């Protein structure tokens, strides 16, 4: 289900830094971001623990990824999104089969509500980045980079919650 995304060269960045720069095109991943890697990894690791379904909190990309992964597994998916989440992200998660609840103004509040709902309902909670299985899934990007760019000397990773950079760093090391 995971696409091996290509690396594309950037002439502008290469000229600016004086070395070849390539970018990993994770925007071409199913659901449009790297988040699917972690969601699929976590749901696979849960096995029968997620037979009743899964729940997460997210403002968008992780919500879509968990909804996609749950649909592929044939299980229920609930998503708690902040009231400030982009409508397009909310609709995308719902289109992928998620039942969406709007709660709070921030992702932190949505995550807290998702944890509470997990305890109330028995759904398995899927954290967007603070989870070893999610981190392991993101590590697939690092493994692909090593195959696609054998002479790689540096990897620059954006940091939000830290799951992506952790997974890539572990895989590359």
N, C-alpha and C. Protein backbone atom coordinates (compact mmCIF):
# COMPACT_ATOMS: atom_id res chain seq x y z
N UNK A 1 0.79 -1.20 0.00
CA UNK A 1 0.00 0.00 0.00
C UNK A 1 0.84 1.27 0.00
N UNK A 2 2.04 1.17 0.52
CA UNK A 2 2.92 2.34 0.53
C UNK A 2 3.56 2.46 -0.84
N UNK A 3 3.58 3.66 -1.34
CA UNK A 3 4.30 3.92 -2.59
C UNK A 3 5.73 4.28 -2.26
N UNK A 4 6.67 3.73 -3.01
CA UNK A 4 8.05 4.22 -2.91
C UNK A 4 8.07 5.53 -3.67
N UNK A 5 8.19 6.61 -2.93
CA UNK A 5 8.15 7.92 -3.56
C UNK A 5 9.50 8.27 -4.16
N UNK A 6 9.48 9.00 -5.26
CA UNK A 6 10.74 9.34 -5.92
C UNK A 6 11.49 10.46 -5.21
N UNK A 7 12.76 10.56 -5.53
CA UNK A 7 13.52 11.76 -5.16
C UNK A 7 13.65 12.58 -6.44
N UNK A 8 13.53 13.88 -6.28
CA UNK A 8 13.65 14.78 -7.43
C UNK A 8 14.73 15.80 -7.12
N UNK A 9 15.51 16.13 -8.13
CA UNK A 9 16.58 17.10 -7.91
C UNK A 9 16.02 18.51 -7.93
N UNK A 10 16.69 19.37 -7.19
CA UNK A 10 16.31 20.78 -7.15
C UNK A 10 17.48 21.61 -7.65
N UNK A 11 17.33 22.14 -8.84
CA UNK A 11 18.40 22.97 -9.41
C UNK A 11 18.62 24.23 -8.57
N UNK A 12 17.53 24.84 -8.13
CA UNK A 12 17.63 26.08 -7.34
C UNK A 12 18.40 25.84 -6.04
N UNK A 13 18.03 24.81 -5.30
CA UNK A 13 18.73 24.53 -4.04
C UNK A 13 20.17 24.08 -4.28
N UNK A 14 20.37 23.29 -5.33
CA UNK A 14 21.72 22.84 -5.67
C UNK A 14 22.62 24.03 -5.95
N UNK A 15 22.12 24.99 -6.71
CA UNK A 15 22.92 26.19 -7.02
C UNK A 15 23.18 27.02 -5.76
N UNK A 16 22.20 27.12 -4.89
CA UNK A 16 22.37 27.93 -3.68
C UNK A 16 23.37 27.34 -2.70
N UNK A 17 23.38 26.03 -2.55
CA UNK A 17 24.27 25.42 -1.55
C UNK A 17 25.57 24.87 -2.15
N UNK A 18 25.65 24.80 -3.45
CA UNK A 18 26.87 24.32 -4.09
C UNK A 18 27.07 22.83 -4.00
N UNK A 19 26.02 22.09 -3.80
CA UNK A 19 26.08 20.62 -3.76
C UNK A 19 24.74 20.10 -4.28
N UNK A 20 24.75 18.87 -4.76
CA UNK A 20 23.52 18.29 -5.28
C UNK A 20 22.49 18.14 -4.17
N UNK A 21 21.29 18.65 -4.41
CA UNK A 21 20.19 18.55 -3.44
C UNK A 21 19.04 17.82 -4.12
N UNK A 22 18.55 16.79 -3.44
CA UNK A 22 17.37 16.07 -3.91
C UNK A 22 16.30 16.13 -2.82
N UNK A 23 15.07 16.08 -3.24
CA UNK A 23 13.93 16.15 -2.34
C UNK A 23 13.12 14.87 -2.45
N UNK A 24 12.69 14.33 -1.33
CA UNK A 24 11.85 13.13 -1.31
C UNK A 24 10.41 13.57 -1.49
N UNK A 25 9.77 13.11 -2.54
CA UNK A 25 8.44 13.60 -2.92
C UNK A 25 7.33 12.83 -2.19
N UNK A 26 7.26 13.01 -0.89
CA UNK A 26 6.23 12.33 -0.09
C UNK A 26 4.84 12.88 -0.36
N UNK A 27 4.75 14.02 -1.01
CA UNK A 27 3.43 14.53 -1.41
C UNK A 27 2.78 13.61 -2.44
N UNK A 28 3.55 12.70 -3.03
CA UNK A 28 3.00 11.73 -3.98
C UNK A 28 2.54 10.44 -3.30
N UNK A 29 2.71 10.38 -1.98
CA UNK A 29 2.25 9.22 -1.23
C UNK A 29 0.72 9.20 -1.23
N UNK A 30 0.13 8.04 -1.12
CA UNK A 30 -1.33 7.96 -0.97
C UNK A 30 -1.71 8.84 0.22
N UNK A 31 -2.75 9.55 0.15
CA UNK A 31 -3.25 10.54 1.13
C UNK A 31 -2.43 11.82 1.12
N UNK A 32 -1.36 11.91 0.33
CA UNK A 32 -0.65 13.17 0.15
C UNK A 32 0.43 13.52 1.13
N UNK A 33 0.77 12.62 2.05
CA UNK A 33 1.85 12.92 2.99
C UNK A 33 2.48 11.64 3.52
N UNK A 34 3.60 11.81 4.20
CA UNK A 34 4.32 10.68 4.80
C UNK A 34 3.54 10.02 5.93
N UNK A 35 2.51 10.66 6.44
CA UNK A 35 1.78 10.17 7.61
C UNK A 35 1.20 8.77 7.41
N UNK A 36 0.91 8.40 6.17
CA UNK A 36 0.35 7.08 5.91
C UNK A 36 1.30 5.97 6.35
N UNK A 37 2.58 6.19 6.22
CA UNK A 37 3.56 5.18 6.60
C UNK A 37 3.41 4.81 8.07
N UNK A 38 3.31 5.82 8.92
CA UNK A 38 3.17 5.57 10.35
C UNK A 38 1.84 4.96 10.72
N UNK A 39 0.77 5.43 10.07
CA UNK A 39 -0.57 4.91 10.37
C UNK A 39 -0.67 3.43 10.01
N UNK A 40 -0.18 3.05 8.85
CA UNK A 40 -0.22 1.65 8.44
C UNK A 40 0.64 0.78 9.37
N UNK A 41 1.79 1.31 9.75
CA UNK A 41 2.68 0.57 10.65
C UNK A 41 2.01 0.33 12.00
N UNK A 42 1.39 1.36 12.53
CA UNK A 42 0.75 1.23 13.85
C UNK A 42 -0.43 0.27 13.81
N UNK A 43 -1.28 0.40 12.81
CA UNK A 43 -2.45 -0.47 12.74
C UNK A 43 -2.03 -1.93 12.52
N UNK A 44 -0.99 -2.15 11.74
CA UNK A 44 -0.48 -3.51 11.56
C UNK A 44 0.06 -4.05 12.89
N UNK A 45 0.78 -3.21 13.63
CA UNK A 45 1.35 -3.64 14.91
C UNK A 45 0.26 -3.93 15.95
N UNK A 46 -0.84 -3.21 15.88
CA UNK A 46 -1.93 -3.44 16.84
C UNK A 46 -2.58 -4.80 16.67
N UNK A 47 -2.59 -5.31 15.47
CA UNK A 47 -3.21 -6.63 15.23
C UNK A 47 -4.64 -6.65 15.73
N UNK A 48 -4.98 -7.67 16.51
CA UNK A 48 -6.34 -7.83 17.00
C UNK A 48 -6.73 -6.78 18.05
N UNK A 49 -5.75 -6.06 18.59
CA UNK A 49 -6.05 -5.02 19.57
C UNK A 49 -6.90 -3.90 18.98
N UNK A 50 -6.95 -3.81 17.68
CA UNK A 50 -7.75 -2.75 17.05
C UNK A 50 -8.96 -3.32 16.32
N UNK A 51 -9.39 -4.51 16.69
CA UNK A 51 -10.54 -5.12 16.03
C UNK A 51 -11.79 -4.26 16.16
N UNK A 52 -11.93 -3.54 17.28
CA UNK A 52 -13.09 -2.66 17.47
C UNK A 52 -12.95 -1.35 16.69
N UNK A 53 -11.73 -1.03 16.30
CA UNK A 53 -11.47 0.19 15.56
C UNK A 53 -10.38 1.01 16.19
N UNK A 54 -10.12 2.17 15.58
CA UNK A 54 -9.07 3.07 16.04
C UNK A 54 -9.62 4.48 16.16
N UNK A 55 -8.91 5.28 16.94
CA UNK A 55 -9.26 6.69 17.10
C UNK A 55 -7.97 7.50 17.16
N UNK A 56 -8.03 8.70 16.64
CA UNK A 56 -6.88 9.59 16.68
C UNK A 56 -7.34 11.03 16.77
N UNK A 57 -6.39 11.89 17.04
CA UNK A 57 -6.62 13.33 17.00
C UNK A 57 -5.64 13.93 16.02
N UNK A 58 -6.13 14.87 15.20
CA UNK A 58 -5.27 15.43 14.16
C UNK A 58 -5.96 16.63 13.53
N UNK A 59 -5.16 17.52 12.97
CA UNK A 59 -5.72 18.63 12.21
C UNK A 59 -5.86 18.29 10.73
N UNK A 60 -5.35 17.12 10.31
CA UNK A 60 -5.53 16.81 8.91
C UNK A 60 -4.81 15.62 8.32
N UNK A 61 -3.51 15.71 8.11
CA UNK A 61 -2.80 14.67 7.38
C UNK A 61 -2.82 13.33 8.11
N UNK A 62 -2.61 13.36 9.41
CA UNK A 62 -2.64 12.11 10.18
C UNK A 62 -4.06 11.53 10.20
N UNK A 63 -5.05 12.40 10.29
CA UNK A 63 -6.45 11.95 10.27
C UNK A 63 -6.73 11.19 8.98
N UNK A 64 -6.31 11.73 7.87
CA UNK A 64 -6.52 11.08 6.58
C UNK A 64 -5.77 9.75 6.51
N UNK A 65 -4.56 9.74 7.03
CA UNK A 65 -3.74 8.53 6.98
C UNK A 65 -4.35 7.41 7.81
N UNK A 66 -4.80 7.73 9.01
CA UNK A 66 -5.41 6.71 9.87
C UNK A 66 -6.73 6.23 9.25
N UNK A 67 -7.50 7.14 8.68
CA UNK A 67 -8.75 6.74 8.03
C UNK A 67 -8.47 5.79 6.86
N UNK A 68 -7.46 6.09 6.07
CA UNK A 68 -7.09 5.24 4.93
C UNK A 68 -6.65 3.86 5.43
N UNK A 69 -5.77 3.85 6.43
CA UNK A 69 -5.24 2.59 6.96
C UNK A 69 -6.35 1.76 7.59
N UNK A 70 -7.27 2.40 8.30
CA UNK A 70 -8.38 1.67 8.92
C UNK A 70 -9.30 1.09 7.85
N UNK A 71 -9.58 1.87 6.82
CA UNK A 71 -10.42 1.38 5.73
C UNK A 71 -9.77 0.17 5.06
N UNK A 72 -8.46 0.24 4.84
CA UNK A 72 -7.74 -0.88 4.22
C UNK A 72 -7.82 -2.14 5.10
N UNK A 73 -7.85 -1.95 6.39
CA UNK A 73 -7.93 -3.06 7.34
C UNK A 73 -9.37 -3.50 7.57
N UNK A 74 -10.33 -2.67 7.17
CA UNK A 74 -11.74 -3.00 7.35
C UNK A 74 -12.24 -2.76 8.75
N UNK A 75 -11.69 -1.75 9.43
CA UNK A 75 -12.10 -1.46 10.80
C UNK A 75 -12.63 -0.03 10.91
N UNK A 76 -13.30 0.21 11.98
CA UNK A 76 -13.86 1.53 12.29
C UNK A 76 -12.74 2.54 12.55
N UNK A 77 -13.01 3.78 12.18
CA UNK A 77 -12.06 4.87 12.44
C UNK A 77 -12.81 6.10 12.90
N UNK A 78 -12.45 6.59 14.09
CA UNK A 78 -12.97 7.86 14.59
C UNK A 78 -11.81 8.84 14.64
N UNK A 79 -12.08 10.07 14.29
CA UNK A 79 -11.06 11.11 14.29
C UNK A 79 -11.61 12.32 15.03
N UNK A 80 -10.81 12.86 15.94
CA UNK A 80 -11.16 14.11 16.61
C UNK A 80 -10.26 15.18 16.02
N UNK A 81 -10.90 16.21 15.48
CA UNK A 81 -10.16 17.30 14.86
C UNK A 81 -10.52 18.61 15.55
N UNK A 82 -9.56 19.52 15.67
CA UNK A 82 -9.90 20.82 16.26
C UNK A 82 -10.87 21.58 15.36
N UNK A 83 -11.62 22.46 15.98
CA UNK A 83 -12.60 23.25 15.21
C UNK A 83 -11.92 24.13 14.17
N UNK A 84 -10.62 24.33 14.32
CA UNK A 84 -9.85 25.16 13.39
C UNK A 84 -9.26 24.36 12.22
N UNK A 85 -9.54 23.07 12.17
CA UNK A 85 -8.99 22.22 11.10
C UNK A 85 -9.54 22.67 9.74
N UNK A 86 -8.71 22.60 8.71
CA UNK A 86 -9.18 22.96 7.37
C UNK A 86 -10.34 22.06 6.93
N UNK A 87 -11.34 22.65 6.35
CA UNK A 87 -12.51 21.90 5.89
C UNK A 87 -12.11 20.81 4.91
N UNK A 88 -11.16 21.10 4.03
CA UNK A 88 -10.73 20.11 3.04
C UNK A 88 -10.14 18.87 3.72
N UNK A 89 -9.41 19.06 4.82
CA UNK A 89 -8.82 17.92 5.54
C UNK A 89 -9.92 17.12 6.24
N UNK A 90 -10.88 17.81 6.84
CA UNK A 90 -12.00 17.16 7.50
C UNK A 90 -12.78 16.32 6.49
N UNK A 91 -13.09 16.91 5.35
CA UNK A 91 -13.84 16.20 4.32
C UNK A 91 -13.06 15.01 3.76
N UNK A 92 -11.76 15.17 3.62
CA UNK A 92 -10.94 14.07 3.11
C UNK A 92 -10.96 12.89 4.07
N UNK A 93 -10.83 13.16 5.38
CA UNK A 93 -10.88 12.08 6.37
C UNK A 93 -12.24 11.39 6.35
N UNK A 94 -13.30 12.17 6.26
CA UNK A 94 -14.65 11.60 6.22
C UNK A 94 -14.85 10.77 4.95
N UNK A 95 -14.35 11.25 3.83
CA UNK A 95 -14.47 10.52 2.57
C UNK A 95 -13.76 9.18 2.64
N UNK A 96 -12.69 9.13 3.42
CA UNK A 96 -11.95 7.87 3.59
C UNK A 96 -12.59 6.95 4.63
N UNK A 97 -13.72 7.39 5.19
CA UNK A 97 -14.47 6.52 6.09
C UNK A 97 -14.45 6.88 7.55
N UNK A 98 -13.76 7.93 7.92
CA UNK A 98 -13.69 8.31 9.33
C UNK A 98 -14.96 8.99 9.79
N UNK A 99 -15.32 8.73 11.02
CA UNK A 99 -16.34 9.50 11.70
C UNK A 99 -15.61 10.63 12.39
N UNK A 100 -15.92 11.86 12.04
CA UNK A 100 -15.16 13.02 12.51
C UNK A 100 -15.94 13.76 13.59
N UNK A 101 -15.25 14.04 14.68
CA UNK A 101 -15.79 14.89 15.75
C UNK A 101 -14.92 16.14 15.82
N UNK A 102 -15.52 17.31 15.84
CA UNK A 102 -14.78 18.55 16.03
C UNK A 102 -14.77 18.86 17.52
N UNK A 103 -13.56 19.14 18.03
CA UNK A 103 -13.43 19.41 19.47
C UNK A 103 -12.22 20.30 19.73
N UNK A 104 -12.40 21.35 20.47
CA UNK A 104 -11.31 22.22 20.88
C UNK A 104 -10.79 23.08 19.76
N UNK A 105 -9.86 23.94 20.14
CA UNK A 105 -9.26 24.87 19.18
C UNK A 105 -7.89 24.42 18.70
N UNK A 106 -7.29 23.43 19.37
CA UNK A 106 -5.93 23.01 19.05
C UNK A 106 -5.85 21.50 18.86
N UNK A 107 -4.78 21.07 18.23
CA UNK A 107 -4.53 19.63 18.07
C UNK A 107 -4.34 18.99 19.44
N UNK A 108 -3.69 19.68 20.36
CA UNK A 108 -3.49 19.14 21.72
C UNK A 108 -4.83 18.81 22.37
N UNK A 109 -5.79 19.72 22.23
CA UNK A 109 -7.12 19.47 22.80
C UNK A 109 -7.82 18.31 22.09
N UNK A 110 -7.68 18.24 20.78
CA UNK A 110 -8.28 17.15 20.03
C UNK A 110 -7.66 15.81 20.42
N UNK A 111 -6.35 15.78 20.61
CA UNK A 111 -5.67 14.55 21.03
C UNK A 111 -6.15 14.11 22.41
N UNK A 112 -6.31 15.04 23.32
CA UNK A 112 -6.79 14.71 24.67
C UNK A 112 -8.19 14.11 24.59
N UNK A 113 -9.04 14.72 23.79
CA UNK A 113 -10.41 14.20 23.62
C UNK A 113 -10.38 12.81 23.00
N UNK A 114 -9.50 12.59 22.03
CA UNK A 114 -9.39 11.27 21.40
C UNK A 114 -8.95 10.22 22.42
N UNK A 115 -8.02 10.58 23.29
CA UNK A 115 -7.59 9.64 24.34
C UNK A 115 -8.76 9.29 25.26
N UNK A 116 -9.53 10.31 25.64
CA UNK A 116 -10.69 10.07 26.50
C UNK A 116 -11.69 9.15 25.80
N UNK A 117 -11.95 9.42 24.54
CA UNK A 117 -12.90 8.59 23.79
C UNK A 117 -12.38 7.17 23.62
N UNK A 118 -11.06 7.01 23.49
CA UNK A 118 -10.49 5.66 23.39
C UNK A 118 -10.80 4.87 24.66
N UNK A 119 -10.64 5.51 25.80
CA UNK A 119 -10.94 4.83 27.07
C UNK A 119 -12.42 4.50 27.19
N UNK A 120 -13.28 5.41 26.74
CA UNK A 120 -14.73 5.21 26.83
C UNK A 120 -15.23 4.13 25.89
N UNK A 121 -14.65 4.03 24.71
CA UNK A 121 -15.19 3.18 23.65
C UNK A 121 -14.42 1.88 23.41
N UNK A 122 -13.19 1.81 23.90
CA UNK A 122 -12.37 0.63 23.62
C UNK A 122 -11.66 0.68 22.28
N UNK A 123 -11.77 1.82 21.60
CA UNK A 123 -11.03 1.97 20.34
C UNK A 123 -9.55 2.13 20.65
N UNK A 124 -8.69 1.64 19.78
CA UNK A 124 -7.24 1.77 19.96
C UNK A 124 -6.82 3.19 19.56
N UNK A 125 -6.06 3.84 20.43
CA UNK A 125 -5.61 5.20 20.17
C UNK A 125 -4.35 5.17 19.31
N UNK A 126 -4.32 6.00 18.28
CA UNK A 126 -3.16 6.10 17.39
C UNK A 126 -2.63 7.53 17.46
N UNK A 127 -1.48 7.68 18.13
CA UNK A 127 -0.88 9.01 18.27
C UNK A 127 -0.16 9.37 16.96
N UNK A 128 -0.20 10.64 16.58
CA UNK A 128 0.42 11.02 15.30
C UNK A 128 1.94 10.94 15.25
N UNK A 129 2.62 10.97 16.41
CA UNK A 129 4.08 10.95 16.35
C UNK A 129 4.75 10.35 17.57
N UNK A 130 4.14 10.36 18.73
CA UNK A 130 4.77 9.83 19.94
C UNK A 130 4.43 8.35 20.12
N UNK A 131 4.89 7.54 19.19
CA UNK A 131 4.58 6.11 19.22
C UNK A 131 5.68 5.37 18.45
N UNK A 132 6.28 4.36 19.06
CA UNK A 132 7.36 3.63 18.39
C UNK A 132 6.96 3.00 17.05
N UNK A 133 5.73 2.52 16.95
CA UNK A 133 5.29 1.90 15.70
C UNK A 133 5.09 2.94 14.60
N UNK A 134 4.59 4.10 14.96
CA UNK A 134 4.44 5.19 14.00
C UNK A 134 5.82 5.66 13.54
N UNK A 135 6.72 5.81 14.49
CA UNK A 135 8.09 6.22 14.17
C UNK A 135 8.75 5.21 13.23
N UNK A 136 8.55 3.92 13.52
CA UNK A 136 9.13 2.88 12.66
C UNK A 136 8.59 2.99 11.23
N UNK A 137 7.31 3.27 11.11
CA UNK A 137 6.73 3.44 9.77
C UNK A 137 7.35 4.61 9.02
N UNK A 138 7.58 5.70 9.72
CA UNK A 138 8.22 6.87 9.08
C UNK A 138 9.65 6.53 8.66
N UNK A 139 10.28 5.61 9.36
CA UNK A 139 11.64 5.21 9.03
C UNK A 139 11.79 4.65 7.63
N UNK A 140 10.70 4.18 7.06
CA UNK A 140 10.76 3.68 5.69
C UNK A 140 11.29 4.71 4.71
N UNK A 141 11.06 5.97 5.02
CA UNK A 141 11.58 7.04 4.15
C UNK A 141 13.10 7.00 4.15
N UNK A 142 13.69 6.83 5.31
CA UNK A 142 15.15 6.75 5.40
C UNK A 142 15.71 5.58 4.63
N UNK A 143 15.05 4.42 4.73
CA UNK A 143 15.52 3.24 3.99
C UNK A 143 15.43 3.47 2.49
N UNK A 144 14.34 4.09 2.05
CA UNK A 144 14.22 4.40 0.62
C UNK A 144 15.31 5.37 0.18
N UNK A 145 15.57 6.37 0.99
CA UNK A 145 16.63 7.34 0.65
C UNK A 145 17.98 6.65 0.47
N UNK A 146 18.30 5.73 1.35
CA UNK A 146 19.58 5.02 1.24
C UNK A 146 19.67 4.23 -0.06
N UNK A 147 18.56 3.64 -0.49
CA UNK A 147 18.55 2.91 -1.76
C UNK A 147 18.60 3.85 -2.96
N UNK A 148 17.88 4.96 -2.87
CA UNK A 148 17.74 5.86 -4.02
C UNK A 148 18.93 6.80 -4.19
N UNK A 149 19.60 7.12 -3.11
CA UNK A 149 20.73 8.06 -3.16
C UNK A 149 21.90 7.42 -2.40
N UNK A 150 22.58 6.47 -3.02
CA UNK A 150 23.63 5.71 -2.32
C UNK A 150 24.75 6.57 -1.73
N UNK A 151 25.07 7.67 -2.36
CA UNK A 151 26.16 8.53 -1.89
C UNK A 151 25.65 9.68 -1.00
N UNK A 152 24.54 9.47 -0.35
CA UNK A 152 23.94 10.52 0.48
C UNK A 152 24.90 10.93 1.59
N UNK A 153 25.03 12.23 1.81
CA UNK A 153 25.94 12.70 2.85
C UNK A 153 25.22 13.45 3.97
N UNK A 154 24.07 14.03 3.67
CA UNK A 154 23.28 14.74 4.68
C UNK A 154 21.80 14.55 4.38
N UNK A 155 21.03 14.51 5.45
CA UNK A 155 19.59 14.44 5.31
C UNK A 155 19.00 15.55 6.18
N UNK A 156 18.19 16.38 5.59
CA UNK A 156 17.53 17.45 6.33
C UNK A 156 16.05 17.11 6.40
N UNK A 157 15.52 17.11 7.62
CA UNK A 157 14.15 16.68 7.85
C UNK A 157 13.41 17.78 8.61
N UNK A 158 12.22 18.14 8.16
CA UNK A 158 11.44 19.11 8.94
C UNK A 158 10.99 18.48 10.26
N UNK A 159 10.88 19.27 11.29
CA UNK A 159 10.51 18.74 12.60
C UNK A 159 9.24 19.42 13.08
N UNK A 160 8.24 18.60 13.35
CA UNK A 160 7.01 19.06 13.99
C UNK A 160 6.97 18.38 15.35
N UNK A 161 6.31 17.22 15.40
CA UNK A 161 6.25 16.45 16.64
C UNK A 161 7.49 15.62 16.91
N UNK A 162 8.26 15.33 15.87
CA UNK A 162 9.50 14.58 16.04
C UNK A 162 9.47 13.15 15.56
N UNK A 163 8.30 12.63 15.21
CA UNK A 163 8.21 11.24 14.76
C UNK A 163 8.91 10.99 13.44
N UNK A 164 8.76 11.90 12.51
CA UNK A 164 9.39 11.75 11.20
C UNK A 164 10.90 11.76 11.31
N UNK A 165 11.44 12.76 11.95
CA UNK A 165 12.90 12.85 12.07
C UNK A 165 13.46 11.68 12.87
N UNK A 166 12.75 11.23 13.89
CA UNK A 166 13.21 10.08 14.67
C UNK A 166 13.27 8.83 13.81
N UNK A 167 12.20 8.56 13.07
CA UNK A 167 12.17 7.38 12.23
C UNK A 167 13.24 7.38 11.17
N UNK A 168 13.41 8.51 10.49
CA UNK A 168 14.42 8.62 9.45
C UNK A 168 15.82 8.47 10.04
N UNK A 169 16.08 9.13 11.16
CA UNK A 169 17.40 9.05 11.79
C UNK A 169 17.73 7.62 12.21
N UNK A 170 16.79 6.93 12.80
CA UNK A 170 17.02 5.53 13.22
C UNK A 170 17.31 4.66 12.01
N UNK A 171 16.53 4.82 10.96
CA UNK A 171 16.71 3.99 9.76
C UNK A 171 18.04 4.25 9.09
N UNK A 172 18.42 5.51 8.99
CA UNK A 172 19.66 5.85 8.29
C UNK A 172 20.88 5.44 9.11
N UNK A 173 20.80 5.59 10.41
CA UNK A 173 21.94 5.24 11.26
C UNK A 173 22.22 3.74 11.15
